[in-house]
Amino acid sequence: MIIVDEALRARAGAHQPIRVGMVGAGAMGRAIANQIVSAVPGMELVAISNRHPHAASVAYTDAGIDAIELVQSVADLEAAIRRGRAAITDDPTLLCRAGGIDVVLEVTGSVDFGSSVVLEAVRNGKPVVLMNAELEATLGPILKLHADRHGVVVSGCDGDQPGVELNLYRFVRSIGLTPLVCGNIKGLQDRARTPATQAQFAERWGLTAQMATSFADGTKISFEQATVANATGMRVAQRGMGGRSFTGHVDELVNAYDVDALRRQGGIVDYVVGAQPAPGVFVLATHDDPRQRKFLELYKRGPGPLYSFYTPYHLCHFEVPLSLARVVLFKDAVTAPAGGPVVHVVCTAKRDLAAGEVLDGIGGYMTYGQCENADVVAEEALLPMGLADGCRMRRALALDRVLTFDDVELPPSRFADRLWREQVERFTRITVGAAGRSA
């Protein structure tokens, strides 16, 4: 991180700022816009695309920028950038195609829409940073494959828990330890939460009720930990992860795991509810050298065999510009799949579901997401949570049952479904049927 601030100052001094095009102007998009404009030298937010351009305009004006221009073509966008005017549009493909943009930042939280934006950007030679764990966990491996083919980087971001965890994971590995648990600390976990129960919280913090629900019902943390799993090769010890309640300090978690079991599993991703300091992340690791273990005890990391490392916060939008700089200046992905999928997030009934009902997707009333290992998902043809929105139930299903592709009819002609089938074919080497089921 330290090298990034100096590199940005150098870009500012050379009058060569990193030029960012952002897709999405919701609560996080507006916060990122303000951060880039107010606090980041050597970087400019030159364009924002949003379904409703007025929201993009508000993001700029809230950040103190009034020279705003609505554009409807690549030529218009490029001209606005040359004139130093902030561009807004409802067409994200303009940001993906235009010269004068160094990196695309995707902040929508949509899997289907977001996947099309990412693919368009990489096909046009632009790197992408995602503040979209839902997309990254669902289709990250196939998007990285396309990005690699075009010689660009697709990365998750600093500030969101997966990025913070993987920064910590890289640090722990860099000093010679072997990480065996990558963990996330939650203050609340209740799979029954709905947009109705989370409405007041959402209003207080300027979030959508669906976003607040995905935080509370475990779906969001499942996407986050699946992203970490796919980047590290770690699995989950069981469907849904351990998710134990633990009110002590995170350092005490070294006594909560069987280190031999962790070694046999090759390391796991997990979360705990209630640990301190919250809302942080942690890595539990071992060291094979007895001389170094002695020093770790001297440095107050305990007697082993597990040693605790943690970051006590994640600062969301404050850190996203660091990711943009890492990707553009150093081609350093914050989070990226190491290969094919290792863990998926599977769609699970939040209540009894009836035949004919149409699922309301992430953060809704009907389903929640939980982690499952990719080999089990393939074997049982489980429905990814990232593809659940808009699916119609073919049959009734009871509370807490995990849905399969056979249980639903997919909406027609979704881009994300095509990418999912491509991902399955590429990484599992098994045939994919018309409904998306692996056969």
Protein backbone atom coordinates (compact mmCIF):
# COMPACT_ATOMS: atom_id res chain seq x y z
CA MET A 1 0.00 0.00 0.00
CA ILE A 2 2.77 2.42 0.90
CA ILE A 3 4.19 2.40 -2.62
CA VAL A 4 0.81 3.36 -4.08
CA ASP A 5 0.60 6.79 -2.47
CA GLU A 6 4.00 7.79 -3.83
CA ALA A 7 3.12 6.48 -7.29
CA LEU A 8 -0.10 8.51 -7.29
CA ARG A 9 1.75 11.65 -6.22
CA ALA A 10 4.18 11.08 -9.08
CA ARG A 11 1.28 10.82 -11.52
CA ALA A 12 -0.14 14.04 -10.12
CA GLY A 13 3.22 15.80 -10.45
CA ALA A 14 3.52 14.64 -14.05
CA HIS A 15 -0.06 15.79 -14.80
CA GLN A 16 -0.91 12.24 -15.87
CA PRO A 17 -3.76 11.22 -13.57
CA ILE A 18 -5.31 7.77 -13.67
CA ARG A 19 -8.62 8.31 -15.45
CA VAL A 20 -11.47 6.29 -13.98
CA GLY A 21 -14.83 5.44 -15.50
CA MET A 22 -17.33 4.22 -12.89
CA VAL A 23 -20.44 2.12 -13.55
CA GLY A 24 -23.04 2.52 -10.80
CA ALA A 25 -24.00 5.55 -8.72
CA GLY A 26 -25.70 4.04 -5.69
CA ALA A 27 -24.63 4.65 -2.10
CA MET A 28 -21.16 3.14 -2.58
CA GLY A 29 -20.68 4.76 -5.98
CA ARG A 30 -21.45 8.20 -4.55
CA ALA A 31 -19.06 7.61 -1.66
CA ILE A 32 -16.28 6.50 -4.02
CA ALA A 33 -16.85 9.54 -6.22
CA ASN A 34 -16.43 11.83 -3.23
CA GLN A 35 -13.28 10.00 -2.11
CA ILE A 36 -11.57 10.20 -5.52
CA VAL A 37 -12.44 13.85 -6.02
CA SER A 38 -11.62 15.04 -2.51
CA ALA A 39 -8.73 12.90 -1.32
CA VAL A 40 -6.78 11.15 -4.10
CA PRO A 41 -4.04 12.98 -5.99
CA GLY A 42 -3.09 11.59 -9.38
CA MET A 43 -6.57 10.23 -10.11
CA GLU A 44 -9.65 11.66 -11.84
CA LEU A 45 -13.17 10.31 -12.08
CA VAL A 46 -13.83 11.28 -15.68
CA ALA A 47 -17.14 9.48 -16.31
CA ILE A 48 -20.02 7.81 -14.49
CA SER A 49 -22.60 5.55 -16.09
CA ASN A 50 -25.86 4.79 -14.33
CA ARG A 51 -29.25 3.52 -15.45
CA HIS A 52 -30.66 6.88 -14.40
CA PRO A 53 -28.09 9.55 -15.37
CA HIS A 54 -29.51 11.93 -12.78
CA ALA A 55 -28.01 9.73 -10.04
CA ALA A 56 -24.62 9.99 -11.76
CA SER A 57 -25.02 13.77 -11.83
CA VAL A 58 -25.82 13.80 -8.11
CA ALA A 59 -22.69 11.75 -7.40
CA TYR A 60 -20.62 14.45 -9.09
CA THR A 61 -22.36 17.45 -7.56
CA ASP A 62 -22.20 15.92 -4.08
CA ALA A 63 -18.44 15.63 -4.64
CA GLY A 64 -18.25 19.31 -5.62
CA ILE A 65 -18.08 18.96 -9.41
CA ASP A 66 -20.55 21.04 -11.43
CA ALA A 67 -19.03 20.91 -14.93
CA ILE A 68 -21.06 17.89 -16.02
CA GLU A 69 -22.01 16.78 -19.51
CA LEU A 70 -24.54 14.16 -20.60
CA VAL A 71 -23.01 12.06 -23.39
CA GLN A 72 -24.59 9.58 -25.77
CA SER A 73 -21.70 8.36 -27.91
CA VAL A 74 -18.06 7.37 -27.59
CA ALA A 75 -17.08 10.50 -29.51
CA ASP A 76 -19.08 12.70 -27.12
CA LEU A 77 -17.46 11.01 -24.12
CA GLU A 78 -13.95 11.37 -25.47
CA ALA A 79 -14.61 15.03 -26.26
CA ALA A 80 -15.89 15.68 -22.74
CA ILE A 81 -12.77 14.10 -21.24
CA ARG A 82 -10.54 16.27 -23.43
CA ARG A 83 -12.41 19.39 -22.30
CA GLY A 84 -12.07 18.39 -18.65
CA ARG A 85 -15.80 18.00 -18.13
CA ALA A 86 -17.29 15.17 -16.06
CA ALA A 87 -19.31 12.87 -18.31
CA ILE A 88 -22.50 11.05 -17.38
CA THR A 89 -24.44 8.50 -19.42
CA ASP A 90 -26.90 5.64 -19.16
CA ASP A 91 -24.78 3.50 -21.51
CA PRO A 92 -21.88 1.73 -19.76
CA THR A 93 -20.46 0.45 -23.03
CA LEU A 94 -19.29 3.99 -23.80
CA LEU A 95 -16.95 3.83 -20.78
CA CYS A 96 -15.72 0.42 -21.91
CA ARG A 97 -14.92 1.61 -25.44
CA ALA A 98 -13.76 5.19 -25.08
CA GLY A 99 -10.19 6.38 -25.16
CA GLY A 100 -9.21 8.56 -22.26
CA ILE A 101 -10.31 6.01 -19.62
CA ASP A 102 -7.62 3.90 -17.99
CA VAL A 103 -9.76 1.64 -15.80
CA VAL A 104 -13.43 0.76 -15.34
CA LEU A 105 -14.82 0.53 -11.81
CA GLU A 106 -17.95 -1.65 -11.53
CA VAL A 107 -20.09 -0.84 -8.46
CA THR A 108 -23.57 -2.13 -9.30
CA GLY A 109 -23.90 -5.33 -7.25
CA SER A 110 -25.63 -6.91 -10.25
CA VAL A 111 -24.41 -10.27 -11.53
CA ASP A 112 -26.08 -10.29 -14.96
CA PHE A 113 -25.60 -6.63 -15.85
CA GLY A 114 -22.18 -6.44 -14.23
CA SER A 115 -20.86 -9.47 -16.10
CA SER A 116 -21.71 -7.90 -19.45
CA VAL A 117 -19.96 -4.66 -18.46
CA VAL A 118 -16.80 -6.50 -17.40
CA LEU A 119 -16.62 -8.55 -20.56
CA GLU A 120 -17.15 -5.47 -22.74
CA ALA A 121 -14.40 -3.62 -20.91
CA VAL A 122 -11.80 -6.39 -21.14
CA ARG A 123 -12.61 -6.97 -24.81
CA ASN A 124 -11.68 -3.34 -25.32
CA GLY A 125 -8.43 -3.72 -23.42
CA LYS A 126 -9.50 -2.00 -20.21
CA PRO A 127 -8.74 -3.36 -16.75
CA VAL A 128 -11.66 -3.59 -14.33
CA VAL A 129 -11.94 -3.21 -10.58
CA LEU A 130 -15.02 -4.75 -8.99
CA MET A 131 -16.83 -3.59 -5.89
CA ASN A 132 -19.22 -6.44 -6.61
CA ALA A 133 -18.51 -9.56 -4.56
CA GLU A 134 -21.71 -11.14 -5.90
CA LEU A 135 -20.35 -11.09 -9.44
CA GLU A 136 -16.80 -11.98 -8.44
CA ALA A 137 -17.87 -15.06 -6.48
CA THR A 138 -20.32 -16.26 -9.14
CA LEU A 139 -18.39 -15.71 -12.37
CA GLY A 140 -14.93 -14.53 -11.34
CA PRO A 141 -12.99 -17.48 -12.81
CA ILE A 142 -14.45 -17.18 -16.30
CA LEU A 143 -14.15 -13.37 -16.27
CA LYS A 144 -10.48 -13.70 -15.31
CA LEU A 145 -9.98 -16.16 -18.16
CA HIS A 146 -11.37 -13.61 -20.64
CA ALA A 147 -9.29 -10.84 -19.06
CA ASP A 148 -6.12 -12.94 -19.32
CA ARG A 149 -6.83 -13.53 -23.00
CA HIS A 150 -6.93 -9.77 -23.56
CA GLY A 151 -3.91 -9.02 -21.37
CA VAL A 152 -5.75 -7.01 -18.72
CA VAL A 153 -6.55 -7.38 -15.03
CA VAL A 154 -9.94 -7.93 -13.40
CA SER A 155 -9.66 -7.41 -9.66
CA GLY A 156 -11.71 -7.06 -6.54
CA CYS A 157 -11.03 -4.10 -4.30
CA ASP A 158 -9.36 -3.02 -1.11
CA GLY A 159 -11.77 -2.00 1.63
CA ASP A 160 -14.29 -4.79 1.08
CA GLN A 161 -13.63 -7.77 3.33
CA PRO A 162 -12.22 -10.09 0.63
CA GLY A 163 -9.61 -7.51 -0.32
CA VAL A 164 -8.67 -6.87 3.31
CA GLU A 165 -8.43 -10.62 3.97
CA LEU A 166 -6.28 -11.25 0.94
CA ASN A 167 -3.96 -8.36 1.75
CA LEU A 168 -3.51 -9.95 5.18
CA TYR A 169 -3.15 -13.43 3.66
CA ARG A 170 -0.40 -12.18 1.34
CA PHE A 171 1.39 -10.52 4.25
CA VAL A 172 1.26 -13.65 6.40
CA ARG A 173 2.61 -15.78 3.56
CA SER A 174 5.30 -13.20 2.80
CA ILE A 175 6.81 -13.60 6.29
CA GLY A 176 7.00 -17.37 5.97
CA LEU A 177 3.84 -18.68 7.61
CA THR A 178 1.24 -21.01 6.12
CA PRO A 179 -2.32 -19.64 6.37
CA LEU A 180 -4.90 -22.28 7.35
CA VAL A 181 -7.97 -20.12 8.09
CA CYS A 182 -9.09 -16.96 6.36
CA GLY A 183 -11.91 -15.54 8.46
CA ASN A 184 -14.46 -12.76 8.58
CA ILE A 185 -15.97 -11.26 11.75
CA LYS A 186 -19.71 -10.53 11.82
CA GLY A 187 -21.87 -8.81 14.39
CA LEU A 188 -25.15 -10.35 13.25
CA GLN A 189 -26.23 -13.47 11.39
CA ASP A 190 -29.92 -14.26 10.97
CA ARG A 191 -31.05 -16.10 7.86
CA ALA A 192 -34.67 -15.05 8.45
CA ARG A 193 -33.98 -11.33 7.92
CA THR A 194 -35.92 -9.65 5.09
CA PRO A 195 -36.21 -6.18 3.51
CA ALA A 196 -39.02 -5.48 6.00
CA THR A 197 -36.88 -6.23 9.05
CA GLN A 198 -33.91 -4.27 7.64
CA ALA A 199 -35.78 -1.23 6.33
CA GLN A 200 -34.96 1.04 9.26
CA PHE A 201 -31.26 0.17 9.20
CA ALA A 202 -31.17 0.69 5.44
CA GLU A 203 -32.82 4.09 5.67
CA ARG A 204 -30.44 5.24 8.39
CA TRP A 205 -27.36 4.45 6.32
CA GLY A 206 -28.66 5.28 2.83
CA LEU A 207 -28.68 1.68 1.63
CA THR A 208 -31.29 -0.28 -0.24
CA ALA A 209 -33.29 -2.64 1.94
CA GLN A 210 -32.09 -5.53 -0.24
CA MET A 211 -28.45 -4.65 0.36
CA ALA A 212 -29.00 -4.40 4.11
CA THR A 213 -30.80 -7.76 4.07
CA SER A 214 -27.94 -9.48 2.26
CA PHE A 215 -25.61 -8.26 5.02
CA ALA A 216 -27.84 -9.66 7.76
CA ASP A 217 -29.01 -12.98 6.29
CA GLY A 218 -25.53 -14.30 5.54
CA THR A 219 -25.63 -13.96 1.76
CA LYS A 220 -23.08 -11.17 1.52
CA ILE A 221 -20.52 -12.82 3.76
CA SER A 222 -20.94 -16.02 1.76
CA PHE A 223 -20.08 -14.18 -1.47
CA GLU A 224 -17.12 -12.56 0.27
CA GLN A 225 -15.72 -15.81 1.62
CA ALA A 226 -16.28 -17.63 -1.67
CA THR A 227 -14.19 -14.91 -3.32
CA VAL A 228 -11.41 -15.53 -0.79
CA ALA A 229 -11.67 -19.28 -1.28
CA ASN A 230 -11.37 -18.99 -5.03
CA ALA A 231 -8.31 -16.75 -4.67
CA THR A 232 -6.50 -19.00 -2.19
CA GLY A 233 -7.68 -22.50 -3.04
CA MET A 234 -9.14 -22.93 0.44
CA ARG A 235 -12.44 -24.79 0.87
CA VAL A 236 -15.25 -24.71 3.39
CA ALA A 237 -15.30 -27.31 6.14
CA GLN A 238 -19.07 -27.70 5.76
CA ARG A 239 -21.98 -26.20 3.85
CA GLY A 240 -22.58 -22.71 5.18
CA MET A 241 -19.14 -22.58 6.88
CA GLY A 242 -18.69 -22.95 10.65
CA GLY A 243 -20.08 -19.58 11.63
CA ARG A 244 -19.60 -20.12 15.34
CA SER A 245 -20.66 -17.55 17.94
CA PHE A 246 -17.53 -16.31 19.67
CA THR A 247 -17.48 -13.26 21.91
CA GLY A 248 -13.81 -13.25 22.83
CA HIS A 249 -10.86 -11.57 21.13
CA VAL A 250 -9.95 -12.90 17.71
CA ASP A 251 -6.53 -14.02 19.04
CA GLU A 252 -8.33 -16.62 21.14
CA LEU A 253 -9.61 -18.34 17.99
CA VAL A 254 -6.29 -20.18 17.73
CA ASN A 255 -7.77 -22.57 20.32
CA ALA A 256 -11.05 -23.06 18.46
CA TYR A 257 -9.72 -25.06 15.49
CA ASP A 258 -8.10 -28.47 15.08
CA VAL A 259 -4.85 -27.66 13.30
CA ASP A 260 -4.43 -31.21 11.99
CA ALA A 261 -7.89 -31.11 10.44
CA LEU A 262 -7.10 -27.74 8.89
CA ARG A 263 -3.93 -29.15 7.34
CA ARG A 264 -5.82 -32.14 5.93
CA GLN A 265 -8.39 -29.80 4.40
CA GLY A 266 -5.71 -27.58 2.89
CA GLY A 267 -7.04 -24.57 4.79
CA ILE A 268 -10.57 -23.20 5.05
CA VAL A 269 -12.51 -19.98 4.82
CA ASP A 270 -14.86 -19.29 7.71
CA TYR A 271 -16.58 -16.59 9.74
CA VAL A 272 -17.40 -15.97 13.39
CA VAL A 273 -20.19 -13.95 14.99
CA GLY A 274 -19.45 -11.57 17.84
CA ALA A 275 -15.65 -11.71 18.07
CA GLN A 276 -13.59 -8.60 18.71
CA PRO A 277 -12.28 -6.42 17.21
CA ALA A 278 -15.24 -6.09 14.88
CA PRO A 279 -15.87 -5.71 12.01
CA GLY A 280 -12.46 -7.05 11.13
CA VAL A 281 -10.93 -10.04 9.37
CA PHE A 282 -8.36 -12.58 10.50
CA VAL A 283 -5.89 -15.16 9.26
CA LEU A 284 -4.77 -18.13 11.38
CA ALA A 285 -1.46 -19.62 10.27
CA THR A 286 1.27 -22.09 11.22
CA HIS A 287 5.06 -22.04 10.96
CA ASP A 288 7.21 -25.12 10.35
CA ASP A 289 10.47 -23.73 11.74
CA PRO A 290 10.82 -24.21 15.56
CA ARG A 291 13.30 -21.33 15.75
CA GLN A 292 10.80 -18.98 14.15
CA ARG A 293 8.01 -20.31 16.35
CA LYS A 294 10.10 -19.27 19.37
CA PHE A 295 10.34 -15.74 18.01
CA LEU A 296 6.61 -15.60 17.28
CA GLU A 297 6.00 -16.37 20.94
CA LEU A 298 8.50 -13.69 21.95
CA TYR A 299 6.59 -11.23 19.73
CA LYS A 300 3.36 -12.02 21.62
CA ARG A 301 1.77 -14.20 18.95
CA GLY A 302 1.40 -17.08 21.40
CA PRO A 303 2.91 -20.58 21.68
CA GLY A 304 1.32 -21.95 18.47
CA PRO A 305 0.76 -24.12 16.59
CA LEU A 306 -1.74 -21.58 15.23
CA TYR A 307 -0.90 -17.89 15.19
CA SER A 308 -3.43 -15.12 14.84
CA PHE A 309 -3.17 -12.10 12.55
CA TYR A 310 -6.00 -9.65 12.09
CA THR A 311 -7.06 -6.34 10.63
CA PRO A 312 -9.61 -4.66 12.94
CA TYR A 313 -11.52 -2.74 10.27
CA HIS A 314 -12.43 -2.51 6.63
CA LEU A 315 -12.98 0.96 5.25
CA CYS A 316 -14.99 0.18 2.12
CA HIS A 317 -15.02 3.11 -0.29
CA PHE A 318 -12.05 4.88 1.34
CA GLU A 319 -9.73 2.16 0.05
CA VAL A 320 -11.15 1.55 -3.42
CA PRO A 321 -8.92 4.16 -5.14
CA LEU A 322 -5.89 2.23 -3.88
CA SER A 323 -7.13 -0.77 -5.84
CA LEU A 324 -7.53 1.30 -8.99
CA ALA A 325 -3.95 2.47 -8.64
CA ARG A 326 -2.63 -1.04 -7.95
CA VAL A 327 -4.31 -2.39 -11.06
CA VAL A 328 -3.38 0.45 -13.43
CA LEU A 329 0.15 1.17 -12.23
CA PHE A 330 1.32 -2.28 -11.17
CA LYS A 331 -1.16 -4.77 -12.70
CA ASP A 332 -1.54 -6.08 -9.15
CA ALA A 333 -4.93 -7.69 -8.55
CA VAL A 334 -6.23 -7.27 -5.01
CA THR A 335 -8.45 -10.33 -5.37
CA ALA A 336 -8.53 -12.71 -8.31
CA PRO A 337 -9.36 -16.41 -8.72
CA ALA A 338 -6.32 -18.67 -8.69
CA GLY A 339 -7.96 -20.98 -11.23
CA GLY A 340 -11.35 -22.64 -11.46
CA PRO A 341 -14.03 -22.26 -8.80
CA VAL A 342 -13.30 -23.78 -5.40
CA VAL A 343 -16.36 -22.54 -3.49
CA HIS A 344 -19.74 -21.31 -4.74
CA VAL A 345 -22.64 -19.58 -3.03
CA VAL A 346 -25.78 -21.69 -3.36
CA CYS A 347 -29.39 -20.55 -3.27
CA THR A 348 -31.33 -21.70 -0.20
CA ALA A 349 -35.02 -21.32 0.69
CA LYS A 350 -35.63 -18.62 3.32
CA ARG A 351 -39.22 -19.80 3.64
CA ASP A 352 -41.36 -22.53 2.09
CA LEU A 353 -41.45 -21.89 -1.65
CA ALA A 354 -44.42 -22.71 -3.87
CA ALA A 355 -44.46 -23.90 -7.46
CA GLY A 356 -44.83 -20.97 -9.85
CA GLU A 357 -43.29 -18.36 -7.56
CA VAL A 358 -40.60 -16.11 -9.06
CA LEU A 359 -37.53 -15.71 -6.88
CA ASP A 360 -36.63 -12.20 -5.76
CA GLY A 361 -32.89 -12.80 -5.61
CA ILE A 362 -30.15 -11.46 -3.35
CA GLY A 363 -31.38 -9.68 -0.23
CA GLY A 364 -35.00 -10.62 -0.78
CA TYR A 365 -37.79 -12.35 1.09
CA MET A 366 -37.46 -15.80 -0.45
CA THR A 367 -33.88 -17.09 -0.46
CA TYR A 368 -30.46 -16.65 1.11
CA GLY A 369 -26.99 -17.75 0.04
CA GLN A 370 -24.52 -20.07 1.75
CA CYS A 371 -21.11 -21.41 0.76
CA GLU A 372 -20.59 -24.88 -0.64
CA ASN A 373 -17.55 -26.52 -2.21
CA ALA A 374 -17.55 -26.42 -6.00
CA ASP A 375 -17.29 -30.17 -6.47
CA VAL A 376 -20.49 -30.66 -4.45
CA VAL A 377 -22.23 -27.91 -6.41
CA ALA A 378 -21.32 -29.63 -9.67
CA GLU A 379 -22.29 -33.10 -8.42
CA GLU A 380 -25.69 -31.98 -7.13
CA ALA A 381 -26.38 -29.33 -9.80
CA LEU A 382 -27.03 -26.70 -7.12
CA LEU A 383 -28.35 -23.30 -8.16
CA PRO A 384 -25.91 -20.42 -7.59
CA MET A 385 -27.34 -17.55 -5.56
CA GLY A 386 -25.96 -15.14 -8.13
CA LEU A 387 -28.29 -16.62 -10.77
CA ALA A 388 -31.41 -16.95 -8.59
CA ASP A 389 -33.08 -13.62 -9.31
CA GLY A 390 -36.05 -14.04 -11.65
CA CYS A 391 -36.04 -17.84 -11.64
CA ARG A 392 -39.50 -19.46 -11.54
CA MET A 393 -40.08 -22.39 -9.20
CA ARG A 394 -41.00 -25.62 -10.99
CA ARG A 395 -41.99 -27.33 -7.75
CA ALA A 396 -42.57 -26.55 -4.09
CA LEU A 397 -39.56 -26.56 -1.80
CA ALA A 398 -39.34 -26.42 2.00
CA LEU A 399 -37.56 -23.90 4.21
CA ASP A 400 -33.76 -24.24 4.26
CA ARG A 401 -33.63 -26.60 1.27
CA VAL A 402 -30.91 -25.80 -1.26
CA LEU A 403 -32.29 -25.26 -4.75
CA THR A 404 -31.04 -27.13 -7.80
CA PHE A 405 -31.24 -26.18 -11.47
CA ASP A 406 -33.99 -28.80 -11.80
CA ASP A 407 -36.12 -26.90 -9.27
CA VAL A 408 -36.35 -23.73 -11.39
CA GLU A 409 -36.85 -22.29 -14.84
CA LEU A 410 -34.20 -19.72 -15.69
CA PRO A 411 -35.22 -16.37 -17.17
CA PRO A 412 -34.63 -16.28 -20.94
CA SER A 413 -31.52 -14.89 -22.61
CA ARG A 414 -29.50 -13.80 -19.61
CA PHE A 415 -25.87 -13.00 -20.26
CA ALA A 416 -24.78 -14.38 -16.90
CA ASP A 417 -26.31 -17.79 -17.63
CA ARG A 418 -24.21 -18.08 -20.79
CA LEU A 419 -21.08 -17.19 -18.85
CA TRP A 420 -21.98 -19.70 -16.12
CA ARG A 421 -22.28 -22.48 -18.70
CA GLU A 422 -18.96 -21.44 -20.22
CA GLN A 423 -17.37 -21.48 -16.76
CA VAL A 424 -18.70 -24.96 -16.01
CA GLU A 425 -17.54 -26.30 -19.37
CA ARG A 426 -14.11 -24.74 -19.02
CA PHE A 427 -13.32 -25.65 -15.44
CA THR A 428 -15.23 -28.85 -14.69
CA ARG A 429 -14.96 -30.52 -18.08
CA ILE A 430 -18.49 -31.83 -17.90
CA THR A 431 -21.42 -31.30 -20.23
CA VAL A 432 -23.88 -28.55 -19.44
CA GLY A 433 -27.53 -29.10 -20.32
CA ALA A 434 -29.93 -26.53 -21.70
CA ALA A 435 -31.12 -25.50 -18.24
CA GLY A 436 -27.57 -24.94 -17.04
CA ARG A 437 -27.40 -28.21 -15.13
CA SER A 438 -24.11 -30.07 -15.19
CA ALA A 439 -24.74 -33.54 -16.55
